[in-house]
Every structure is written in C-alpha cells, then in structure tokens.
C-alpha cells in the first residue's frame, strides 16, 4: 500500500467553519481515501500555500442537454450519450467531482453510472442517476424523443397507480433518485411556471415507493401550489423553488427538506437568450426572475437547508459555469461559507453519500480542488479557469 502526503496548504474541509492553515492529509493511493497515518508517505506533494476545498457536488444536472443548441426533442439515444460524455468532462474540469442527474432520456445517466461503477473509463464526476423523470401528460417532462418520436423524455404518470409502476420501473433499471415534475417550467411550451401538474396523491405515491427502496425524491417545483404539494408529500428536495411561500419555508425547515435553488438557470435565459430562444421561454423567465431570487433569499435567511445545483444543460447554462452558482447564492444572501457548505457537506447529505464524500476528513475519498485564492474571502476564487482538480487522490486537471 503506497501513500501520498499533501502538505503546505490552507484547508476548508467542508465540515468545520473557517480555513485551517498549514494543513496536510495523507491519501491511500489504492483506495483514494484519506487515512489517519501522517507518517511514512511514499510521495509528498507540496501545494505551496494554496487553498484546498472539497470537490463540488452538483445535485442538479441534465447531462443529456446541449446548452448551445437547446435541442430538446427527437434526440436519439446515441446523441444523448455523446452529449452526456462531453458534458461530464466539462463538469469535472470546472471542479465538479460528483453529480446527481435530474432527468435523462433513455436512462443514459443510469447506464453511464453503471459502466463507471464497473470500472469503465467514463471520464467525469461520479454519477447518482435519476433516469427518466415523472411527468403528467403534456407537462414539464412530456418531450418527444427518438428519431421516430417513439418515446418521451419522462414517464407519463397520470394517476397514483401509474406513478407507482413508473417508480418501480426506475428502481428496476437502477435509479437512485426519483425526479418528479410537480409544476410547469420555463422550457416546456405547453404549460406555465405556476401550473400545478402532479397531484398531491401522485407525489405521495412517488415518495412512498422511492423511500421504501432507499431512493430519494427531488421535485421540480416552481409554482407555489406545486411546491406546497411536494412539501406535504415529503420529498427530499425542492428544485428551483421559485415561488416558495413563507408557510412552506417554515414547513421545509420543520421537515428537513432541502432547497436546490439553481439560480444560474434563471439568470442565463434573459441574459443570453434574446433573439435566440422561443418567445415563450423569454417571457416566462423575465416574468418571474426578480421574485425567484427574492424568495430564494428569504429561504436562505430563514435557515432552510440549501443544497447546490445548477440545472446544467438548460439554455446557455454551460457545464463549465457551475462555480458561478456559488456567486449567485451569495448575491441573494448566502455567506461564502454557506454557499461552500451547500456544495459540499449539504449536497452529500441530501444524496446520502456523506459517508464517502462532501468533506475532507479521514475515511472519505480525496476529491478536492486547489485554488490560488481563498474562497471564504472571495467566492469567485472557485471560478478559476486553471484550478487543479483531484478525484480520489489523483490529479485529473
């Protein structure tokens, strides 16, 4: 067993407040985990006084999507797979070492996660897969897929019974998370953001089935009534939360439900989409952005548990831009430390991977970033283009 000692750096470990100086840790080269023994390392890596933090955990991506072409329908499985492989590389280079994908056509995220777990060279973050999302007919998940239009992006679930069967199918195929479309959304032409889509009973069935099989449930929820239904149903996380009410902020605190804001997904559409995106997308984004950012700020101020995600793949929301979400979180009211905790400890806990990931401590995998500047002082430090990225103790960028 060989070991590598990393030394001479300042450390934000994702567990404790503040930055510890003159830090060091030792990694077992075979397992990629941090070990307790600081002595007799075979190799020493001097990080020259730089700043180390955990690799980012992005709890909301769509690796099937191309944020430049914005093609959503009639995708083939080959195209989805090729796009996903390219996007995974960008995520890793940006500093993301673990993702939860929140909806992928043809279950490509599940298939890639299985290949990666079996030792195949899938270059990118570790993947917690959701497979196809759950949507009502005509809702925010009813996109036509396949060259011949022979399938849809999501499972179309129009009753608790259909939801039960779809969740069980996802479980059979290997999903670790169930994504439910509780409301309309910006990118679907057939609905409005505040449309209530999946019913309370359908959401309750999704939670009951998923939790009985050790899966989590993430709810796409933007409109107030859909958010309320998802909270009452007991989902693990509210994704977006655009119109979350004060009542549901308190309920989320009581129930321990996470909020994944994905602010960048709202930010990029009006900023870069004029003349390039359908009018319905621009109209929706412009109509709710101010309220969206205000409500997320209110949730952060109230103490809701915040997880970290970007909705990567939505229009102009590039996979290399993940660290910009940290800056947006601080602009709506999070401290730098809260933003960094969201992207490390909090998201690891939400994904149930916190025994192995999320903090840099003995026994966990050595997934970490090396930065030139202190992210606790300057959150933009994580946006450094040439940051060094380690995955399981191995330098990958």
Protein backbone atom coordinates (compact mmCIF):
# COMPACT_ATOMS: atom_id res chain seq x y z
CA UNK A 1 0.00 0.00 0.00
CA UNK A 2 1.51 3.30 -1.10
CA UNK A 3 0.52 6.66 0.33
CA UNK A 4 0.76 10.26 -0.83
CA UNK A 5 1.01 13.16 1.56
CA UNK A 6 -0.36 16.54 0.51
CA UNK A 7 1.05 19.40 2.56
CA UNK A 8 1.59 23.14 2.86
CA UNK A 9 -1.89 24.47 2.09
CA UNK A 10 -4.84 26.16 3.77
CA UNK A 11 -7.90 23.92 4.10
CA UNK A 12 -11.64 24.45 4.02
CA UNK A 13 -12.71 20.90 4.79
CA UNK A 14 -16.47 21.27 4.25
CA UNK A 15 -17.17 20.21 7.82
CA UNK A 16 -15.81 22.96 10.06
CA UNK A 17 -16.13 26.72 9.84
CA UNK A 18 -13.19 28.75 8.66
CA UNK A 19 -9.94 27.91 6.96
CA UNK A 20 -7.19 25.96 8.71
CA UNK A 21 -3.62 26.93 7.82
CA UNK A 22 -0.52 24.79 7.37
CA UNK A 23 -2.76 21.83 6.71
CA UNK A 24 -1.90 18.39 5.38
CA UNK A 25 -3.50 15.00 4.78
CA UNK A 26 -2.41 11.59 3.54
CA UNK A 27 -4.19 9.58 0.83
CA UNK A 28 -4.08 5.82 0.37
CA UNK A 29 -3.18 5.58 -3.33
CA UNK A 30 -5.02 2.29 -3.75
CA UNK A 31 -8.38 3.31 -2.27
CA UNK A 32 -8.23 7.06 -2.90
CA UNK A 33 -9.30 7.71 0.68
CA UNK A 34 -7.80 9.98 3.31
CA UNK A 35 -6.05 7.96 6.02
CA UNK A 36 -5.13 8.76 9.59
CA UNK A 37 -1.43 7.97 9.42
CA UNK A 38 0.56 11.13 8.63
CA UNK A 39 3.91 9.33 8.64
CA UNK A 40 5.89 7.25 6.16
CA UNK A 41 4.27 8.58 3.00
CA UNK A 42 5.83 7.29 -0.21
CA UNK A 43 5.26 10.57 -2.06
CA UNK A 44 4.95 14.16 -0.83
CA UNK A 45 3.08 16.82 -2.80
CA UNK A 46 3.77 20.42 -1.79
CA UNK A 47 0.81 22.68 -2.60
CA UNK A 48 2.83 25.84 -1.99
CA UNK A 49 0.47 27.67 0.33
CA UNK A 50 -2.59 27.41 -1.93
CA UNK A 51 -6.19 26.81 -0.85
CA UNK A 52 -7.87 23.40 -0.78
CA UNK A 53 -11.61 22.70 -0.62
CA UNK A 54 -13.84 19.69 -1.37
CA UNK A 55 -14.77 18.97 -4.97
CA UNK A 56 -18.14 20.47 -5.86
CA UNK A 57 -21.22 18.27 -5.63
CA UNK A 58 -23.72 19.42 -8.23
CA UNK A 59 -27.08 17.99 -7.19
CA UNK A 60 -28.99 19.12 -10.28
CA UNK A 61 -27.64 18.49 -13.77
CA UNK A 62 -29.04 17.33 -17.11
CA UNK A 63 -26.08 15.76 -18.86
CA UNK A 64 -28.24 14.89 -21.89
CA UNK A 65 -28.78 18.56 -22.82
CA UNK A 66 -26.74 20.86 -25.04
CA UNK A 67 -26.95 24.43 -23.67
CA UNK A 68 -25.89 25.92 -27.03
CA UNK A 69 -28.19 24.14 -29.49
CA UNK A 70 -31.02 23.83 -26.93
CA UNK A 71 -32.34 20.83 -28.83
CA UNK A 72 -34.86 19.07 -26.60
CA UNK A 73 -36.90 16.77 -28.82
CA UNK A 74 -36.37 13.89 -31.26
CA UNK A 75 -32.98 13.15 -29.73
CA UNK A 76 -31.57 9.69 -30.40
CA UNK A 77 -30.00 7.64 -27.61
CA UNK A 78 -26.64 7.90 -29.41
CA UNK A 79 -26.85 11.69 -29.45
CA UNK A 80 -27.84 11.83 -25.79
CA UNK A 81 -24.94 9.56 -24.85
CA UNK A 82 -22.37 11.51 -26.86
CA UNK A 83 -23.59 14.81 -25.38
CA UNK A 84 -23.52 13.38 -21.87
CA UNK A 85 -19.92 12.17 -22.21
CA UNK A 86 -18.76 15.58 -23.40
CA UNK A 87 -20.67 17.36 -20.63
CA UNK A 88 -19.18 15.11 -17.95
CA UNK A 89 -15.69 16.18 -18.99
CA UNK A 90 -16.64 19.86 -18.68
CA UNK A 91 -18.16 19.31 -15.26
CA UNK A 92 -15.02 17.67 -13.93
CA UNK A 93 -12.77 20.39 -15.31
CA UNK A 94 -14.95 23.04 -13.66
CA UNK A 95 -14.39 21.37 -10.27
CA UNK A 96 -17.45 19.12 -10.01
CA UNK A 97 -16.49 15.68 -8.73
CA UNK A 98 -19.97 14.28 -8.05
CA UNK A 99 -23.36 14.90 -9.68
CA UNK A 100 -26.95 13.94 -9.25
CA UNK A 101 -28.50 13.95 -12.69
CA UNK A 102 -32.13 15.02 -12.53
CA UNK A 103 -33.69 13.59 -15.64
CA UNK A 104 -32.12 11.88 -18.65
CA UNK A 105 -33.76 10.45 -21.76
CA UNK A 106 -33.31 6.73 -22.40
CA UNK A 107 -31.94 6.36 -18.83
CA UNK A 108 -28.50 7.20 -20.21
CA UNK A 109 -27.36 8.57 -16.85
CA UNK A 110 -28.17 5.21 -15.20
CA UNK A 111 -26.33 3.32 -17.94
CA UNK A 112 -23.24 5.52 -17.69
CA UNK A 113 -23.23 5.31 -13.89
CA UNK A 114 -23.31 1.51 -14.11
CA UNK A 115 -20.46 1.46 -16.63
CA UNK A 116 -18.42 3.79 -14.44
CA UNK A 117 -19.08 1.68 -11.34
CA UNK A 118 -17.95 -1.41 -13.27
CA UNK A 119 -14.60 0.22 -13.95
CA UNK A 120 -15.08 1.51 -17.48
CA UNK A 121 -13.25 4.73 -18.31
CA UNK A 122 -16.10 7.23 -18.13
CA UNK A 123 -14.19 10.47 -17.59
CA UNK A 124 -16.09 12.80 -15.31
CA UNK A 125 -17.74 13.11 -11.91
CA UNK A 126 -19.31 10.22 -10.07
CA UNK A 127 -22.99 9.95 -11.06
CA UNK A 128 -26.08 9.49 -8.91
CA UNK A 129 -28.71 8.83 -11.56
CA UNK A 130 -32.44 9.52 -11.72
CA UNK A 131 -33.18 8.16 -15.15
CA UNK A 132 -36.36 9.43 -16.80
CA UNK A 133 -38.39 11.94 -14.75
CA UNK A 134 -42.06 11.61 -13.76
CA UNK A 135 -44.45 13.97 -15.57
CA UNK A 136 -48.13 14.34 -16.34
CA UNK A 137 -49.19 14.05 -19.96
CA UNK A 138 -48.49 17.43 -21.54
CA UNK A 139 -46.41 18.54 -18.58
CA UNK A 140 -42.82 19.53 -17.88
CA UNK A 141 -41.33 16.23 -18.96
CA UNK A 142 -43.50 15.32 -21.93
CA UNK A 143 -40.87 15.97 -24.61
CA UNK A 144 -40.91 13.67 -27.66
CA UNK A 145 -37.69 11.65 -28.05
CA UNK A 146 -36.22 9.19 -30.56
CA UNK A 147 -35.77 9.73 -34.28
CA UNK A 148 -39.27 8.41 -34.89
CA UNK A 149 -40.78 10.07 -31.82
CA UNK A 150 -41.36 6.67 -30.28
CA UNK A 151 -40.78 7.67 -26.65
CA UNK A 152 -40.85 10.64 -24.30
CA UNK A 153 -38.22 12.19 -22.05
CA UNK A 154 -40.19 11.35 -18.92
CA UNK A 155 -42.54 8.64 -17.76
CA UNK A 156 -46.09 9.93 -18.27
CA UNK A 157 -47.86 9.31 -14.96
CA UNK A 158 -51.49 10.40 -14.70
CA UNK A 159 -52.59 8.56 -11.56
CA UNK A 160 -51.08 7.25 -8.33
CA UNK A 161 -51.14 3.75 -9.85
CA UNK A 162 -49.15 4.85 -12.90
CA UNK A 163 -46.71 6.67 -10.62
CA UNK A 164 -46.23 3.53 -8.55
CA UNK A 165 -45.43 1.44 -11.62
CA UNK A 166 -43.07 4.06 -13.07
CA UNK A 167 -41.09 4.40 -9.82
CA UNK A 168 -40.78 0.63 -9.65
CA UNK A 169 -39.50 0.56 -13.23
CA UNK A 170 -36.93 3.23 -12.41
CA UNK A 171 -35.88 1.19 -9.38
CA UNK A 172 -35.54 -1.93 -11.54
CA UNK A 173 -33.32 -0.09 -14.02
CA UNK A 174 -31.06 1.30 -11.28
CA UNK A 175 -32.19 4.84 -10.46
CA UNK A 176 -31.04 6.15 -7.07
CA UNK A 177 -33.27 9.23 -7.16
CA UNK A 178 -36.75 9.89 -8.49
CA UNK A 179 -37.35 13.21 -10.21
CA UNK A 180 -40.96 14.40 -10.14
CA UNK A 181 -42.33 17.33 -12.13
CA UNK A 182 -44.69 18.94 -9.64
CA UNK A 183 -45.24 22.12 -11.68
CA UNK A 184 -44.78 23.63 -15.10
CA UNK A 185 -41.48 25.16 -16.11
CA UNK A 186 -39.67 27.63 -18.32
CA UNK A 187 -38.59 25.20 -21.05
CA UNK A 188 -41.91 23.46 -21.72
CA UNK A 189 -44.15 25.14 -24.28
CA UNK A 190 -47.39 23.53 -23.11
CA UNK A 191 -47.60 24.92 -19.59
CA UNK A 192 -46.95 27.88 -17.31
CA UNK A 193 -44.43 28.03 -14.45
CA UNK A 194 -47.12 28.11 -11.78
CA UNK A 195 -49.24 25.29 -13.26
CA UNK A 196 -49.88 22.54 -10.74
CA UNK A 197 -49.11 19.28 -12.50
CA UNK A 198 -48.58 16.11 -10.48
CA UNK A 199 -51.26 15.84 -7.80
CA UNK A 200 -50.61 15.53 -4.08
CA UNK A 201 -51.69 11.88 -4.22
CA UNK A 202 -49.31 11.15 -7.10
CA UNK A 203 -46.43 12.86 -5.29
CA UNK A 204 -47.22 10.95 -2.09
CA UNK A 205 -47.07 7.70 -4.03
CA UNK A 206 -43.70 8.65 -5.53
CA UNK A 207 -42.30 9.38 -2.07
CA UNK A 208 -43.78 6.22 -0.54
CA UNK A 209 -42.37 3.95 -3.24
CA UNK A 210 -39.00 5.66 -3.52
CA UNK A 211 -38.33 5.84 0.21
CA UNK A 212 -39.30 2.19 0.66
CA UNK A 213 -36.48 1.34 -1.76
CA UNK A 214 -33.77 3.65 -0.38
CA UNK A 215 -34.20 6.19 -3.17
CA UNK A 216 -34.59 9.94 -2.72
CA UNK A 217 -37.16 12.19 -4.38
CA UNK A 218 -36.35 15.54 -5.99
CA UNK A 219 -39.27 17.73 -7.01
CA UNK A 220 -39.10 20.20 -9.86
CA UNK A 221 -41.35 22.77 -8.20
CA UNK A 222 -41.65 26.42 -9.21
CA UNK A 223 -45.26 27.48 -8.64
CA UNK A 224 -46.44 27.97 -5.05
CA UNK A 225 -49.19 25.34 -5.04
CA UNK A 226 -46.96 22.67 -6.58
CA UNK A 227 -44.21 23.46 -4.08
CA UNK A 228 -46.75 23.12 -1.26
CA UNK A 229 -47.92 19.72 -2.54
CA UNK A 230 -44.33 18.48 -2.84
CA UNK A 231 -43.51 19.64 0.69
CA UNK A 232 -46.65 17.99 2.09
CA UNK A 233 -45.76 14.79 0.23
CA UNK A 234 -42.37 14.72 1.98
CA UNK A 235 -39.94 14.96 -0.93
CA UNK A 236 -36.25 15.17 -0.07
CA UNK A 237 -35.58 18.34 -2.04
CA UNK A 238 -37.39 21.15 -3.76
CA UNK A 239 -35.63 22.03 -7.00
CA UNK A 240 -35.80 25.72 -8.04
CA UNK A 241 -38.46 26.82 -5.53
CA UNK A 242 -39.22 29.97 -7.50
CA UNK A 243 -42.41 30.99 -5.71
CA UNK A 244 -41.85 29.32 -2.34
CA UNK A 245 -44.09 30.88 0.31
CA UNK A 246 -43.22 31.81 3.88
CA UNK A 247 -45.51 28.99 5.04
CA UNK A 248 -43.60 26.41 3.02
CA UNK A 249 -40.26 27.83 4.09
CA UNK A 250 -41.25 27.01 7.64
CA UNK A 251 -42.58 23.58 6.68
CA UNK A 252 -39.35 22.79 4.84
CA UNK A 253 -37.37 23.72 7.96
CA UNK A 254 -39.57 21.52 10.14
CA UNK A 255 -39.35 18.55 7.77
CA UNK A 256 -35.66 18.99 6.93
CA UNK A 257 -36.37 19.32 3.21
CA UNK A 258 -33.54 20.75 1.13
CA UNK A 259 -33.86 23.58 -1.39
CA UNK A 260 -31.70 23.45 -4.53
CA UNK A 261 -32.02 26.98 -5.95
CA UNK A 262 -30.38 26.58 -9.43
CA UNK A 263 -30.23 30.37 -9.76
CA UNK A 264 -27.99 30.28 -12.80
CA UNK A 265 -30.72 28.55 -14.82
CA UNK A 266 -32.95 31.59 -14.39
CA UNK A 267 -30.09 34.03 -14.88
CA UNK A 268 -28.83 32.81 -18.25
CA UNK A 269 -32.08 32.77 -20.27
CA UNK A 270 -32.90 36.51 -20.21
CA UNK A 271 -29.20 37.45 -20.25
CA UNK A 272 -28.22 35.50 -23.36
CA UNK A 273 -31.45 34.33 -24.97
CA UNK A 274 -32.89 37.40 -26.67
CA UNK A 275 -33.38 36.61 -30.35
CA UNK A 276 -32.12 33.05 -29.87
CA UNK A 277 -34.80 31.35 -27.78
CA UNK A 278 -38.56 30.93 -28.30
CA UNK A 279 -40.60 33.87 -27.05
CA UNK A 280 -42.44 31.72 -24.51
CA UNK A 281 -39.16 30.90 -22.73
CA UNK A 282 -38.08 34.52 -22.58
CA UNK A 283 -41.50 35.70 -21.42
CA UNK A 284 -41.60 33.12 -18.63
CA UNK A 285 -38.06 33.82 -17.44
CA UNK A 286 -38.49 37.58 -17.45
CA UNK A 287 -41.81 37.38 -15.61
CA UNK A 288 -40.53 35.56 -12.53
CA UNK A 289 -36.78 36.20 -12.17
CA UNK A 290 -36.98 39.05 -9.63
CA UNK A 291 -39.46 37.19 -7.42
CA UNK A 292 -37.48 33.97 -7.79
CA UNK A 293 -34.26 35.49 -6.48
CA UNK A 294 -36.12 37.28 -3.66
CA UNK A 295 -37.82 34.08 -2.50
CA UNK A 296 -34.58 32.10 -2.51
CA UNK A 297 -33.01 34.87 -0.45
CA UNK A 298 -35.88 34.66 2.02
CA UNK A 299 -35.43 30.90 2.35
CA UNK A 300 -31.70 31.24 2.97
CA UNK A 301 -32.29 33.97 5.56
CA UNK A 302 -34.89 31.79 7.32
CA UNK A 303 -32.45 28.89 7.62
CA UNK A 304 -33.77 26.39 5.09
CA UNK A 305 -31.16 23.74 4.29
CA UNK A 306 -29.59 24.69 0.96
CA UNK A 307 -28.15 22.15 -1.46
CA UNK A 308 -26.17 23.03 -4.56
CA UNK A 309 -27.25 22.56 -8.16
CA UNK A 310 -27.24 24.43 -11.43
CA UNK A 311 -29.74 22.75 -13.79
CA UNK A 312 -26.79 22.46 -16.19
CA UNK A 313 -27.82 21.99 -19.79
CA UNK A 314 -30.66 24.49 -19.83
CA UNK A 315 -30.27 27.35 -22.35
CA UNK A 316 -26.80 28.97 -22.16
CA UNK A 317 -26.27 27.29 -18.79
CA UNK A 318 -22.92 25.78 -19.66
CA UNK A 319 -21.47 22.84 -17.77
CA UNK A 320 -18.21 24.72 -17.26
CA UNK A 321 -20.05 27.53 -15.42
CA UNK A 322 -21.05 25.54 -12.33
CA UNK A 323 -18.92 27.65 -9.90
CA UNK A 324 -20.84 30.79 -10.88
CA UNK A 325 -23.82 29.43 -8.96
CA UNK A 326 -21.81 29.95 -5.76
CA UNK A 327 -21.50 33.65 -6.57
CA UNK A 328 -25.23 33.93 -7.29
CA UNK A 329 -26.05 32.29 -3.96
CA UNK A 330 -24.01 34.94 -2.17
CA UNK A 331 -25.71 37.69 -4.16
CA UNK A 332 -29.13 36.63 -2.85
CA UNK A 333 -28.00 36.41 0.76
CA UNK A 334 -25.82 33.37 1.49
CA UNK A 335 -22.42 33.87 3.08
CA UNK A 336 -19.42 32.46 1.24
CA UNK A 337 -19.24 29.70 3.81
CA UNK A 338 -22.93 28.83 3.43
CA UNK A 339 -22.52 28.60 -0.34
CA UNK A 340 -19.47 26.34 0.00
CA UNK A 341 -21.23 24.16 2.58
CA UNK A 342 -24.16 23.80 0.17
CA UNK A 343 -21.80 22.47 -2.49
CA UNK A 344 -20.07 20.05 -0.14
CA UNK A 345 -21.49 18.77 3.14
CA UNK A 346 -25.13 19.64 2.46
CA UNK A 347 -25.38 18.12 -1.00
CA UNK A 348 -23.55 14.99 0.15
CA UNK A 349 -26.12 14.58 2.93
CA UNK A 350 -29.03 15.12 0.54
CA UNK A 351 -27.66 12.49 -1.85
CA UNK A 352 -26.95 10.04 1.01
CA UNK A 353 -23.29 9.86 0.01
CA UNK A 354 -21.94 11.68 3.06
CA UNK A 355 -20.16 8.61 4.43
CA UNK A 356 -17.76 8.84 1.49
CA UNK A 357 -17.98 12.36 0.06
CA UNK A 358 -18.64 16.01 0.88
CA UNK A 359 -15.94 16.69 3.46
CA UNK A 360 -12.18 16.21 3.53
CA UNK A 361 -11.63 14.01 6.56
CA UNK A 362 -10.21 10.61 7.44
CA UNK A 363 -12.03 7.75 5.75
CA UNK A 364 -13.54 9.75 2.89
CA UNK A 365 -12.48 9.97 -0.72
CA UNK A 366 -9.91 12.63 -1.52
CA UNK A 367 -11.93 14.65 -4.04
CA UNK A 368 -10.64 18.21 -3.81
CA UNK A 369 -9.80 21.45 -5.59
CA UNK A 370 -6.63 23.51 -5.31
CA UNK A 371 -7.20 27.26 -5.72
CA UNK A 372 -4.94 30.30 -5.90
CA UNK A 373 -7.22 32.44 -3.69
CA UNK A 374 -9.25 31.91 -0.54
CA UNK A 375 -12.91 31.15 -1.44
CA UNK A 376 -14.07 32.17 2.04
CA UNK A 377 -12.78 35.66 1.30
CA UNK A 378 -13.64 35.71 -2.40
CA UNK A 379 -16.23 33.25 -3.69
CA UNK A 380 -15.15 33.97 -7.27
CA UNK A 381 -11.93 32.10 -6.44
CA UNK A 382 -13.73 28.84 -7.30
CA UNK A 383 -14.27 30.14 -10.85
CA UNK A 384 -10.51 29.97 -11.51
CA UNK A 385 -10.09 28.51 -15.00
CA UNK A 386 -6.87 26.62 -14.32
CA UNK A 387 -7.74 25.28 -10.87
CA UNK A 388 -6.31 21.87 -10.03
CA UNK A 389 -8.87 19.08 -9.61
CA UNK A 390 -8.20 15.83 -7.73
CA UNK A 391 -10.52 12.85 -7.79
CA UNK A 392 -9.85 10.00 -5.34
CA UNK A 393 -6.43 11.49 -4.74
CA UNK A 394 -5.49 11.53 -8.43
CA UNK A 395 -4.90 14.77 -10.31
CA UNK A 396 -7.37 14.85 -13.21
CA UNK A 397 -6.98 18.54 -14.21
